[in-house]
């Protein structure tokens, strides 16, 4: 769609750059490799600098995807960092046609910190669409259960699809692993059973 795209996982120091501006990939490669000179917060700030550079090169369509940044730079910096990204949209150094900025995190406290501001727009994303999940399912090699069975077991969760595949598609093995790894006891089950029974009848009971 003619977008210059930068994706970075600040926590695990991984990146992907879809652009023919060689400097972008070069600087990201150097920053990811230099763990001393480029701590996570400096690496996250580099993304903003690179986007400004793309704008000045009259790139009209830019997409920035920043993953797990709050755990990397610290929750106390979460609001300031998101506001800096928002400023790229509201106060760009050069005119642009379209910018998409997505900041994703798997922890929850930043939702409260950022959500209290009127400029924030938070969307909860859970699992994949049926069509997208089916494409992922088709890529799993070897024999496998029917898509309907896998969809029912996972509800479109890609991580659970991976777990099932590694367990040779044995749902019982996955349940055993979860019970063992989470130290789920009979008391735990007894306590939550009443809530789960209500949720089966009415999912809004959990709200």
N, C-alpha and C. Protein backbone atom coordinates (compact mmCIF):
# COMPACT_ATOMS: atom_id res chain seq x y z
N UNK A 1 0.83 -1.21 0.00
CA UNK A 1 0.00 0.00 0.00
C UNK A 1 0.86 1.26 0.00
N UNK A 2 2.12 1.12 -0.41
CA UNK A 2 3.04 2.25 -0.53
C UNK A 2 3.35 2.93 0.80
N UNK A 3 3.40 2.16 1.87
CA UNK A 3 3.79 2.68 3.17
C UNK A 3 5.26 2.36 3.44
N UNK A 4 5.95 3.30 4.05
CA UNK A 4 7.24 3.00 4.68
C UNK A 4 6.91 2.51 6.09
N UNK A 5 7.38 1.33 6.44
CA UNK A 5 6.98 0.69 7.70
C UNK A 5 8.20 0.46 8.60
N UNK A 6 8.05 0.82 9.88
CA UNK A 6 9.05 0.49 10.89
C UNK A 6 8.36 -0.26 12.00
N UNK A 7 8.85 -1.47 12.28
CA UNK A 7 8.37 -2.25 13.43
C UNK A 7 9.54 -2.47 14.37
N UNK A 8 9.31 -2.26 15.67
CA UNK A 8 10.36 -2.52 16.63
C UNK A 8 9.78 -3.12 17.91
N UNK A 9 10.44 -4.15 18.39
CA UNK A 9 10.13 -4.74 19.69
C UNK A 9 11.23 -4.27 20.63
N UNK A 10 10.90 -3.27 21.44
CA UNK A 10 11.91 -2.64 22.28
C UNK A 10 12.41 -3.56 23.38
N UNK A 11 11.55 -4.47 23.85
CA UNK A 11 11.94 -5.36 24.94
C UNK A 11 12.94 -6.41 24.47
N UNK A 12 12.68 -7.00 23.31
CA UNK A 12 13.54 -8.07 22.80
C UNK A 12 14.52 -7.58 21.74
N UNK A 13 14.52 -6.26 21.48
CA UNK A 13 15.48 -5.64 20.57
C UNK A 13 15.44 -6.30 19.19
N UNK A 14 14.25 -6.35 18.64
CA UNK A 14 14.07 -6.85 17.28
C UNK A 14 13.41 -5.75 16.45
N UNK A 15 13.65 -5.77 15.14
CA UNK A 15 13.05 -4.73 14.31
C UNK A 15 12.83 -5.26 12.89
N UNK A 16 11.99 -4.54 12.17
CA UNK A 16 11.76 -4.80 10.76
C UNK A 16 11.53 -3.45 10.09
N UNK A 17 12.20 -3.20 9.00
CA UNK A 17 12.02 -1.94 8.29
C UNK A 17 11.70 -2.21 6.83
N UNK A 18 10.55 -1.74 6.40
CA UNK A 18 10.15 -1.87 5.00
C UNK A 18 10.24 -0.46 4.38
N UNK A 19 11.40 -0.16 3.86
CA UNK A 19 11.64 1.14 3.25
C UNK A 19 12.90 1.05 2.39
N UNK A 20 12.97 1.86 1.36
CA UNK A 20 14.18 1.86 0.55
C UNK A 20 15.17 2.93 1.01
N UNK A 21 14.87 3.58 2.13
CA UNK A 21 15.82 4.52 2.73
C UNK A 21 16.81 3.69 3.56
N UNK A 22 17.99 3.47 3.02
CA UNK A 22 18.97 2.57 3.61
C UNK A 22 19.35 3.00 5.03
N UNK A 23 19.38 4.29 5.27
CA UNK A 23 19.80 4.81 6.57
C UNK A 23 18.93 4.27 7.71
N UNK A 24 17.65 4.05 7.45
CA UNK A 24 16.73 3.58 8.49
C UNK A 24 17.16 2.21 8.99
N UNK A 25 17.32 1.26 8.09
CA UNK A 25 17.73 -0.09 8.48
C UNK A 25 19.12 -0.09 9.10
N UNK A 26 20.00 0.72 8.57
CA UNK A 26 21.38 0.78 9.07
C UNK A 26 21.42 1.25 10.51
N UNK A 27 20.70 2.34 10.79
CA UNK A 27 20.72 2.88 12.15
C UNK A 27 20.02 1.95 13.14
N UNK A 28 18.95 1.31 12.71
CA UNK A 28 18.27 0.36 13.60
C UNK A 28 19.16 -0.85 13.89
N UNK A 29 19.84 -1.34 12.86
CA UNK A 29 20.74 -2.48 13.05
C UNK A 29 21.83 -2.15 14.06
N UNK A 30 22.43 -0.98 13.91
CA UNK A 30 23.50 -0.57 14.82
C UNK A 30 22.98 -0.40 16.24
N UNK A 31 21.78 0.19 16.37
CA UNK A 31 21.22 0.44 17.69
C UNK A 31 20.85 -0.85 18.41
N UNK A 32 20.27 -1.80 17.67
CA UNK A 32 19.88 -3.08 18.27
C UNK A 32 21.12 -3.85 18.72
N UNK A 33 22.18 -3.79 17.94
CA UNK A 33 23.40 -4.52 18.28
C UNK A 33 24.15 -3.88 19.44
N UNK A 34 24.05 -2.56 19.59
CA UNK A 34 24.80 -1.84 20.62
C UNK A 34 23.95 -1.73 21.89
N UNK A 35 23.98 -2.76 22.73
CA UNK A 35 23.15 -2.78 23.93
C UNK A 35 23.65 -1.81 25.00
N UNK A 36 24.91 -1.42 24.93
CA UNK A 36 25.46 -0.48 25.91
C UNK A 36 25.16 0.95 25.51
N UNK A 37 25.48 1.29 24.29
CA UNK A 37 25.27 2.68 23.83
C UNK A 37 23.82 3.00 23.55
N UNK A 38 23.03 1.94 23.29
CA UNK A 38 21.61 2.15 22.99
C UNK A 38 20.74 1.33 23.93
N UNK A 39 20.55 1.81 25.16
CA UNK A 39 19.60 1.12 26.05
C UNK A 39 18.20 1.23 25.45
N UNK A 40 17.25 0.51 26.03
CA UNK A 40 15.90 0.41 25.46
C UNK A 40 15.25 1.77 25.24
N UNK A 41 15.41 2.68 26.20
CA UNK A 41 14.74 3.98 26.05
C UNK A 41 15.32 4.78 24.88
N UNK A 42 16.63 4.67 24.68
CA UNK A 42 17.26 5.38 23.56
C UNK A 42 16.86 4.73 22.24
N UNK A 43 16.70 3.41 22.26
CA UNK A 43 16.27 2.68 21.07
C UNK A 43 14.85 3.10 20.69
N UNK A 44 13.98 3.22 21.70
CA UNK A 44 12.60 3.64 21.45
C UNK A 44 12.55 5.07 20.89
N UNK A 45 13.40 5.94 21.42
CA UNK A 45 13.45 7.32 20.93
C UNK A 45 13.98 7.39 19.49
N UNK A 46 14.84 6.44 19.14
CA UNK A 46 15.39 6.43 17.78
C UNK A 46 14.29 6.27 16.74
N UNK A 47 13.26 5.51 17.07
CA UNK A 47 12.13 5.33 16.15
C UNK A 47 11.52 6.67 15.79
N UNK A 48 11.33 7.53 16.79
CA UNK A 48 10.74 8.85 16.55
C UNK A 48 11.64 9.68 15.64
N UNK A 49 12.93 9.63 15.89
CA UNK A 49 13.88 10.37 15.06
C UNK A 49 13.84 9.89 13.60
N UNK A 50 13.77 8.58 13.43
CA UNK A 50 13.76 8.02 12.08
C UNK A 50 12.49 8.39 11.33
N UNK A 51 11.38 8.42 12.04
CA UNK A 51 10.11 8.80 11.40
C UNK A 51 10.18 10.25 10.94
N UNK A 52 10.72 11.11 11.79
CA UNK A 52 10.89 12.51 11.39
C UNK A 52 11.76 12.62 10.15
N UNK A 53 12.81 11.77 10.10
CA UNK A 53 13.68 11.77 8.93
C UNK A 53 12.95 11.34 7.68
N UNK A 54 12.08 10.33 7.79
CA UNK A 54 11.30 9.89 6.64
C UNK A 54 10.36 10.99 6.17
N UNK A 55 9.77 11.70 7.11
CA UNK A 55 8.86 12.80 6.74
C UNK A 55 9.61 13.88 5.96
N UNK A 56 10.81 14.17 6.40
CA UNK A 56 11.59 15.22 5.73
C UNK A 56 12.03 14.80 4.34
N UNK A 57 12.01 13.49 4.10
CA UNK A 57 12.30 12.99 2.75
C UNK A 57 11.03 12.90 1.91
N UNK A 58 9.98 13.52 2.40
CA UNK A 58 8.70 13.61 1.70
C UNK A 58 8.05 12.24 1.50
N UNK A 59 8.25 11.36 2.49
CA UNK A 59 7.52 10.11 2.48
C UNK A 59 6.10 10.41 2.97
N UNK A 60 5.12 10.10 2.16
CA UNK A 60 3.76 10.52 2.45
C UNK A 60 2.97 9.50 3.28
N UNK A 61 3.37 8.24 3.22
CA UNK A 61 2.65 7.20 3.95
C UNK A 61 3.64 6.45 4.85
N UNK A 62 3.41 6.56 6.14
CA UNK A 62 4.33 5.96 7.11
C UNK A 62 3.53 5.19 8.15
N UNK A 63 4.03 4.01 8.50
CA UNK A 63 3.41 3.21 9.54
C UNK A 63 4.46 2.83 10.58
N UNK A 64 4.14 3.06 11.86
CA UNK A 64 5.05 2.73 12.94
C UNK A 64 4.36 1.75 13.88
N UNK A 65 5.01 0.64 14.15
CA UNK A 65 4.48 -0.37 15.05
C UNK A 65 5.51 -0.56 16.16
N UNK A 66 5.14 -0.23 17.38
CA UNK A 66 6.06 -0.33 18.52
C UNK A 66 5.50 -1.35 19.50
N UNK A 67 6.27 -2.39 19.77
CA UNK A 67 5.80 -3.51 20.58
C UNK A 67 6.56 -3.58 21.90
N UNK A 68 5.83 -3.85 22.99
CA UNK A 68 6.40 -4.08 24.32
C UNK A 68 7.37 -2.97 24.74
N UNK A 69 7.01 -1.74 24.45
CA UNK A 69 7.93 -0.65 24.75
C UNK A 69 7.88 -0.23 26.22
N UNK A 70 6.73 -0.33 26.87
CA UNK A 70 6.61 0.18 28.24
C UNK A 70 7.41 -0.64 29.23
N UNK A 71 7.45 -1.95 29.03
CA UNK A 71 8.27 -2.78 29.90
C UNK A 71 9.74 -2.49 29.70
N UNK A 72 10.08 -2.06 28.51
CA UNK A 72 11.49 -1.80 28.19
C UNK A 72 11.96 -0.45 28.73
N UNK A 73 11.13 0.58 28.59
CA UNK A 73 11.57 1.92 28.98
C UNK A 73 11.10 2.31 30.38
N UNK A 74 10.19 1.53 30.96
CA UNK A 74 9.67 1.85 32.28
C UNK A 74 8.29 2.48 32.20
N UNK A 75 7.38 2.03 33.07
CA UNK A 75 6.00 2.52 33.03
C UNK A 75 5.90 4.01 33.31
N UNK A 76 6.85 4.56 34.04
CA UNK A 76 6.79 5.98 34.37
C UNK A 76 7.00 6.85 33.13
N UNK A 77 7.52 6.26 32.06
CA UNK A 77 7.74 7.02 30.81
C UNK A 77 6.67 6.73 29.76
N UNK A 78 5.70 5.90 30.10
CA UNK A 78 4.71 5.45 29.12
C UNK A 78 3.93 6.61 28.51
N UNK A 79 3.42 7.49 29.35
CA UNK A 79 2.59 8.60 28.85
C UNK A 79 3.38 9.53 27.95
N UNK A 80 4.59 9.89 28.39
CA UNK A 80 5.42 10.82 27.63
C UNK A 80 5.77 10.23 26.26
N UNK A 81 6.03 8.93 26.22
CA UNK A 81 6.41 8.31 24.96
C UNK A 81 5.24 8.28 23.98
N UNK A 82 4.07 7.89 24.46
CA UNK A 82 2.89 7.86 23.58
C UNK A 82 2.56 9.27 23.08
N UNK A 83 2.69 10.25 23.96
CA UNK A 83 2.42 11.65 23.55
C UNK A 83 3.42 12.10 22.49
N UNK A 84 4.67 11.64 22.59
CA UNK A 84 5.67 11.99 21.57
C UNK A 84 5.28 11.41 20.21
N UNK A 85 4.75 10.18 20.23
CA UNK A 85 4.29 9.58 18.98
C UNK A 85 3.07 10.33 18.42
N UNK A 86 2.18 10.71 19.31
CA UNK A 86 1.00 11.46 18.90
C UNK A 86 1.40 12.80 18.27
N UNK A 87 2.45 13.42 18.80
CA UNK A 87 2.92 14.70 18.26
C UNK A 87 3.40 14.57 16.82
N UNK A 88 3.86 13.38 16.43
CA UNK A 88 4.25 13.16 15.04
C UNK A 88 3.06 13.33 14.10
N UNK A 89 1.87 12.97 14.62
CA UNK A 89 0.66 13.10 13.82
C UNK A 89 0.13 14.53 13.83
N UNK A 90 0.12 15.11 15.04
CA UNK A 90 -0.49 16.44 15.19
C UNK A 90 0.43 17.58 14.79
N UNK A 91 1.73 17.41 15.01
CA UNK A 91 2.70 18.48 14.70
C UNK A 91 3.86 17.91 13.88
N UNK A 92 3.59 17.42 12.68
CA UNK A 92 4.65 16.79 11.87
C UNK A 92 5.64 17.83 11.34
N UNK A 93 6.91 17.43 11.15
CA UNK A 93 7.89 18.36 10.59
C UNK A 93 7.62 18.68 9.13
N UNK A 94 6.90 17.80 8.44
CA UNK A 94 6.53 18.00 7.04
C UNK A 94 5.12 17.47 6.82
N UNK A 95 4.40 17.99 5.82
CA UNK A 95 3.07 17.46 5.52
C UNK A 95 3.13 15.99 5.13
N UNK A 96 2.07 15.26 5.40
CA UNK A 96 2.03 13.85 5.05
C UNK A 96 0.63 13.51 4.55
N UNK A 97 0.54 12.35 3.90
CA UNK A 97 -0.77 11.89 3.42
C UNK A 97 -1.46 11.03 4.48
N UNK A 98 -0.70 10.09 5.07
CA UNK A 98 -1.30 9.19 6.05
C UNK A 98 -0.21 8.63 6.97
N UNK A 99 -0.52 8.59 8.25
CA UNK A 99 0.38 7.96 9.22
C UNK A 99 -0.44 7.03 10.09
N UNK A 100 0.08 5.83 10.31
CA UNK A 100 -0.54 4.88 11.22
C UNK A 100 0.49 4.57 12.31
N UNK A 101 0.09 4.76 13.56
CA UNK A 101 0.98 4.45 14.69
C UNK A 101 0.25 3.51 15.63
N UNK A 102 0.85 2.36 15.89
CA UNK A 102 0.27 1.39 16.81
C UNK A 102 1.29 1.07 17.89
N UNK A 103 0.90 1.23 19.14
CA UNK A 103 1.75 0.87 20.27
C UNK A 103 1.06 -0.27 21.00
N UNK A 104 1.72 -1.42 21.06
CA UNK A 104 1.11 -2.60 21.66
C UNK A 104 1.87 -3.04 22.90
N UNK A 105 1.13 -3.52 23.89
CA UNK A 105 1.75 -4.01 25.12
C UNK A 105 0.92 -5.14 25.69
N UNK A 106 1.59 -6.05 26.39
CA UNK A 106 0.87 -7.17 27.01
C UNK A 106 0.66 -6.96 28.50
N UNK A 107 1.18 -5.85 29.05
CA UNK A 107 0.94 -5.59 30.47
C UNK A 107 -0.20 -4.58 30.59
N UNK A 108 -0.80 -4.48 31.79
CA UNK A 108 -2.04 -3.74 31.91
C UNK A 108 -1.97 -2.38 32.58
N UNK A 109 -0.92 -2.12 33.38
CA UNK A 109 -0.92 -0.89 34.16
C UNK A 109 -0.83 0.35 33.28
N UNK A 110 -0.14 0.24 32.15
CA UNK A 110 -0.02 1.39 31.25
C UNK A 110 -1.37 1.80 30.70
N UNK A 111 -2.31 0.86 30.63
CA UNK A 111 -3.65 1.20 30.15
C UNK A 111 -4.28 2.26 31.03
N UNK A 112 -4.11 2.13 32.34
CA UNK A 112 -4.67 3.13 33.25
C UNK A 112 -3.93 4.46 33.13
N UNK A 113 -2.61 4.40 33.05
CA UNK A 113 -1.83 5.63 32.99
C UNK A 113 -2.13 6.44 31.73
N UNK A 114 -2.21 5.75 30.62
CA UNK A 114 -2.45 6.45 29.35
C UNK A 114 -3.93 6.75 29.18
N UNK A 115 -4.78 5.84 29.62
CA UNK A 115 -6.22 5.99 29.41
C UNK A 115 -6.84 7.17 30.13
N UNK A 116 -6.16 7.72 31.13
CA UNK A 116 -6.74 8.86 31.85
C UNK A 116 -6.63 10.16 31.07
N UNK A 117 -5.88 10.15 29.94
CA UNK A 117 -5.72 11.35 29.13
C UNK A 117 -6.76 11.39 28.01
N UNK A 118 -7.26 12.55 27.72
CA UNK A 118 -8.28 12.68 26.69
C UNK A 118 -7.74 12.39 25.30
N UNK A 119 -6.42 12.52 25.13
CA UNK A 119 -5.86 12.28 23.80
C UNK A 119 -5.65 10.79 23.50
N UNK A 120 -5.88 9.93 24.48
CA UNK A 120 -5.60 8.51 24.27
C UNK A 120 -6.78 7.81 23.59
N UNK A 121 -6.47 6.77 22.85
CA UNK A 121 -7.47 5.91 22.24
C UNK A 121 -6.96 4.49 22.37
N UNK A 122 -7.51 3.76 23.32
CA UNK A 122 -7.03 2.42 23.64
C UNK A 122 -7.98 1.38 23.07
N UNK A 123 -7.41 0.39 22.38
CA UNK A 123 -8.20 -0.71 21.84
C UNK A 123 -7.65 -2.02 22.37
N UNK A 124 -8.52 -2.82 22.96
CA UNK A 124 -8.11 -4.14 23.43
C UNK A 124 -8.14 -5.11 22.24
N UNK A 125 -7.03 -5.78 22.01
CA UNK A 125 -6.94 -6.72 20.90
C UNK A 125 -6.70 -8.11 21.47
N UNK A 126 -7.59 -9.04 21.13
CA UNK A 126 -7.44 -10.39 21.65
C UNK A 126 -7.76 -11.39 20.55
N UNK A 127 -6.79 -12.18 20.21
CA UNK A 127 -6.94 -13.24 19.22
C UNK A 127 -7.11 -12.69 17.80
N UNK A 128 -7.15 -13.61 16.86
CA UNK A 128 -7.18 -13.25 15.44
C UNK A 128 -8.58 -13.43 14.87
N UNK A 129 -8.80 -12.79 13.73
CA UNK A 129 -10.06 -13.02 13.03
C UNK A 129 -10.07 -14.46 12.49
N UNK A 130 -11.25 -14.96 12.22
CA UNK A 130 -11.37 -16.34 11.75
C UNK A 130 -10.58 -16.56 10.45
N UNK A 131 -10.69 -15.62 9.53
CA UNK A 131 -10.01 -15.77 8.25
C UNK A 131 -8.49 -15.77 8.42
N UNK A 132 -7.99 -14.81 9.21
CA UNK A 132 -6.55 -14.74 9.43
C UNK A 132 -6.03 -15.96 10.17
N UNK A 133 -6.80 -16.43 11.15
CA UNK A 133 -6.40 -17.60 11.92
C UNK A 133 -6.37 -18.85 11.03
N UNK A 134 -7.32 -18.94 10.11
CA UNK A 134 -7.35 -20.10 9.22
C UNK A 134 -6.12 -20.12 8.31
N UNK A 135 -5.67 -18.95 7.87
CA UNK A 135 -4.45 -18.89 7.06
C UNK A 135 -3.25 -19.39 7.87
N UNK A 136 -3.19 -19.01 9.15
CA UNK A 136 -2.10 -19.46 10.01
C UNK A 136 -2.19 -20.97 10.23
N UNK A 137 -3.39 -21.46 10.46
CA UNK A 137 -3.64 -22.89 10.65
C UNK A 137 -3.17 -23.69 9.43
N UNK A 138 -3.45 -23.19 8.24
CA UNK A 138 -3.07 -23.90 7.03
C UNK A 138 -1.56 -24.02 6.89
N UNK A 139 -0.82 -23.11 7.50
CA UNK A 139 0.65 -23.15 7.40
C UNK A 139 1.27 -24.17 8.34
N UNK A 140 0.52 -24.66 9.31
CA UNK A 140 1.05 -25.67 10.23
C UNK A 140 1.30 -26.95 9.45
N UNK A 141 2.52 -27.46 9.48
CA UNK A 141 2.84 -28.65 8.65
C UNK A 141 2.28 -29.94 9.24
N UNK A 142 2.21 -30.97 8.41
CA UNK A 142 1.82 -32.29 8.87
C UNK A 142 0.31 -32.44 9.02
N UNK A 143 -0.09 -33.64 9.47
CA UNK A 143 -1.51 -33.90 9.69
C UNK A 143 -1.98 -33.14 10.93
N UNK A 144 -3.25 -32.77 10.95
CA UNK A 144 -3.79 -31.96 12.04
C UNK A 144 -5.29 -32.15 12.13
N UNK A 145 -5.88 -31.79 13.27
CA UNK A 145 -7.34 -31.86 13.40
C UNK A 145 -8.01 -30.91 12.42
N UNK A 146 -9.31 -31.03 12.30
CA UNK A 146 -10.05 -30.13 11.41
C UNK A 146 -9.94 -28.69 11.92
N UNK A 147 -10.08 -27.76 11.00
CA UNK A 147 -10.00 -26.36 11.39
C UNK A 147 -11.07 -26.01 12.42
N UNK A 148 -12.27 -26.57 12.27
CA UNK A 148 -13.35 -26.28 13.20
C UNK A 148 -12.99 -26.70 14.62
N UNK A 149 -12.35 -27.86 14.75
CA UNK A 149 -11.94 -28.32 16.09
C UNK A 149 -10.87 -27.40 16.68
N UNK A 150 -9.90 -27.01 15.86
CA UNK A 150 -8.82 -26.14 16.34
C UNK A 150 -9.36 -24.76 16.69
N UNK A 151 -10.28 -24.25 15.88
CA UNK A 151 -10.89 -22.95 16.16
C UNK A 151 -11.66 -22.99 17.47
N UNK A 152 -12.38 -24.09 17.71
CA UNK A 152 -13.16 -24.24 18.94
C UNK A 152 -12.23 -24.30 20.16
N UNK A 153 -11.12 -24.99 20.03
CA UNK A 153 -10.20 -25.16 21.16
C UNK A 153 -9.42 -23.88 21.47
N UNK A 154 -9.10 -23.10 20.46
CA UNK A 154 -8.21 -21.95 20.64
C UNK A 154 -8.94 -20.61 20.63
N UNK A 155 -10.12 -20.57 20.03
CA UNK A 155 -10.85 -19.32 19.84
C UNK A 155 -10.01 -18.29 19.09
N UNK A 156 -9.14 -18.78 18.22
CA UNK A 156 -8.35 -17.88 17.39
C UNK A 156 -7.08 -17.36 18.03
N UNK A 157 -6.67 -17.95 19.15
CA UNK A 157 -5.45 -17.48 19.83
C UNK A 157 -4.23 -18.12 19.18
N UNK A 158 -3.35 -17.33 18.55
CA UNK A 158 -2.21 -17.90 17.83
C UNK A 158 -1.21 -18.59 18.75
N UNK A 159 -1.05 -18.10 19.98
CA UNK A 159 -0.11 -18.75 20.90
C UNK A 159 -0.63 -20.14 21.28
N UNK A 160 -1.95 -20.25 21.47
CA UNK A 160 -2.52 -21.55 21.80
C UNK A 160 -2.41 -22.52 20.62
N UNK A 161 -2.50 -21.98 19.41
CA UNK A 161 -2.30 -22.81 18.23
C UNK A 161 -0.89 -23.40 18.24
N UNK A 162 0.09 -22.59 18.57
CA UNK A 162 1.47 -23.06 18.66
C UNK A 162 1.61 -24.12 19.75
N UNK A 163 0.99 -23.86 20.91
CA UNK A 163 1.06 -24.81 22.02
C UNK A 163 0.44 -26.15 21.64
N UNK A 164 -0.70 -26.11 20.97
CA UNK A 164 -1.35 -27.34 20.53
C UNK A 164 -0.48 -28.10 19.53
N UNK A 165 0.11 -27.37 18.61
CA UNK A 165 0.97 -28.00 17.60
C UNK A 165 2.15 -28.69 18.26
N UNK A 166 2.79 -28.02 19.23
CA UNK A 166 3.94 -28.59 19.92
C UNK A 166 3.54 -29.79 20.77
N UNK A 167 2.27 -29.82 21.20
CA UNK A 167 1.77 -30.95 21.99
C UNK A 167 1.17 -32.04 21.10
N UNK A 168 1.51 -31.99 19.81
CA UNK A 168 0.99 -32.97 18.84
C UNK A 168 -0.53 -32.98 18.83
N UNK A 169 -1.12 -31.78 18.97
CA UNK A 169 -2.56 -31.55 18.89
C UNK A 169 -3.34 -32.23 20.02
N UNK A 170 -2.68 -32.51 21.13
CA UNK A 170 -3.35 -33.13 22.27
C UNK A 170 -3.84 -32.06 23.24
N UNK A 171 -5.16 -31.85 23.26
CA UNK A 171 -5.73 -30.84 24.16
C UNK A 171 -5.51 -31.24 25.62
N UNK A 172 -5.56 -32.52 25.92
CA UNK A 172 -5.34 -32.98 27.29
C UNK A 172 -3.93 -32.63 27.77
N UNK A 173 -2.95 -32.80 26.89
CA UNK A 173 -1.57 -32.48 27.25
C UNK A 173 -1.41 -30.99 27.53
N UNK A 174 -2.10 -30.17 26.74
CA UNK A 174 -2.02 -28.73 26.94
C UNK A 174 -2.65 -28.35 28.28
N UNK A 175 -3.80 -28.94 28.59
CA UNK A 175 -4.46 -28.65 29.87
C UNK A 175 -3.56 -29.07 31.03
N UNK A 176 -2.94 -30.24 30.93
CA UNK A 176 -2.03 -30.70 31.98
C UNK A 176 -0.87 -29.72 32.17
N UNK A 177 -0.33 -29.26 31.06
CA UNK A 177 0.78 -28.31 31.13
C UNK A 177 0.36 -27.02 31.81
N UNK A 178 -0.81 -26.50 31.45
CA UNK A 178 -1.29 -25.25 32.05
C UNK A 178 -1.52 -25.43 33.55
N UNK A 179 -2.16 -26.52 33.92
CA UNK A 179 -2.42 -26.79 35.34
C UNK A 179 -1.12 -26.88 36.12
N UNK A 180 -0.14 -27.58 35.55
CA UNK A 180 1.14 -27.77 36.23
C UNK A 180 1.94 -26.47 36.30
N UNK A 181 2.03 -25.76 35.18
CA UNK A 181 2.86 -24.55 35.14
C UNK A 181 2.26 -23.40 35.95
N UNK A 182 0.93 -23.37 36.06
CA UNK A 182 0.27 -22.29 36.81
C UNK A 182 -0.05 -22.70 38.25
N UNK A 183 0.34 -23.93 38.60
CA UNK A 183 0.08 -24.44 39.96
C UNK A 183 -1.39 -24.27 40.35
N UNK A 184 -2.28 -24.69 39.45
CA UNK A 184 -3.72 -24.58 39.69
C UNK A 184 -4.16 -25.72 40.62
N UNK A 185 -4.66 -25.36 41.78
CA UNK A 185 -5.05 -26.34 42.80
C UNK A 185 -6.56 -26.57 42.79
N UNK A 186 -7.02 -27.56 43.54
CA UNK A 186 -8.45 -27.83 43.66
C UNK A 186 -9.17 -26.65 44.31
N UNK A 187 -8.52 -26.00 45.29
CA UNK A 187 -9.13 -24.83 45.93
C UNK A 187 -9.34 -23.70 44.93
N UNK A 188 -8.36 -23.52 44.06
CA UNK A 188 -8.46 -22.48 43.02
C UNK A 188 -9.66 -22.77 42.11
N UNK A 189 -9.78 -24.02 41.69
CA UNK A 189 -10.88 -24.40 40.80
C UNK A 189 -12.22 -24.21 41.49
N UNK A 190 -12.29 -24.63 42.77
CA UNK A 190 -13.55 -24.51 43.52
C UNK A 190 -13.96 -23.04 43.64
N UNK A 191 -13.00 -22.18 43.89
CA UNK A 191 -13.29 -20.76 44.08
C UNK A 191 -13.84 -20.13 42.81
N UNK A 192 -13.22 -20.45 41.65
CA UNK A 192 -13.59 -19.80 40.41
C UNK A 192 -14.71 -20.51 39.64
N UNK A 193 -15.07 -21.70 40.06
CA UNK A 193 -16.08 -22.45 39.32
C UNK A 193 -17.39 -21.69 39.19
N UNK A 194 -17.84 -21.04 40.28
CA UNK A 194 -19.13 -20.34 40.24
C UNK A 194 -19.11 -19.18 39.24
N UNK A 195 -17.94 -18.52 39.13
CA UNK A 195 -17.85 -17.41 38.18
C UNK A 195 -17.84 -17.93 36.74
N UNK A 196 -17.16 -19.03 36.52
CA UNK A 196 -17.12 -19.61 35.18
C UNK A 196 -18.49 -20.12 34.76
N UNK A 197 -19.23 -20.70 35.70
CA UNK A 197 -20.57 -21.18 35.37
C UNK A 197 -21.47 -20.03 34.97
N UNK A 198 -21.33 -18.89 35.65
CA UNK A 198 -22.12 -17.72 35.29
C UNK A 198 -21.70 -17.18 33.92
N UNK A 199 -20.39 -17.22 33.67
CA UNK A 199 -19.88 -16.67 32.41
C UNK A 199 -20.34 -17.49 31.21
N UNK A 200 -20.48 -18.80 31.40
CA UNK A 200 -20.97 -19.66 30.31
C UNK A 200 -22.37 -19.24 29.90
N UNK A 201 -23.20 -18.90 30.88
CA UNK A 201 -24.58 -18.47 30.60
C UNK A 201 -24.64 -17.04 30.10
N UNK A 202 -23.76 -16.18 30.69
CA UNK A 202 -23.78 -14.76 30.35
C UNK A 202 -22.38 -14.19 30.49
N UNK A 203 -21.64 -14.03 29.38
CA UNK A 203 -20.26 -13.51 29.43
C UNK A 203 -20.15 -12.16 30.12
N UNK A 204 -21.22 -11.36 30.07
CA UNK A 204 -21.19 -10.04 30.70
C UNK A 204 -21.13 -10.13 32.22
N UNK A 205 -21.35 -11.33 32.78
CA UNK A 205 -21.27 -11.50 34.23
C UNK A 205 -19.86 -11.25 34.74
N UNK A 206 -18.87 -11.32 33.86
CA UNK A 206 -17.48 -11.11 34.27
C UNK A 206 -17.11 -9.64 34.27
N UNK A 207 -17.95 -8.79 33.72
CA UNK A 207 -17.62 -7.36 33.62
C UNK A 207 -17.73 -6.70 34.99
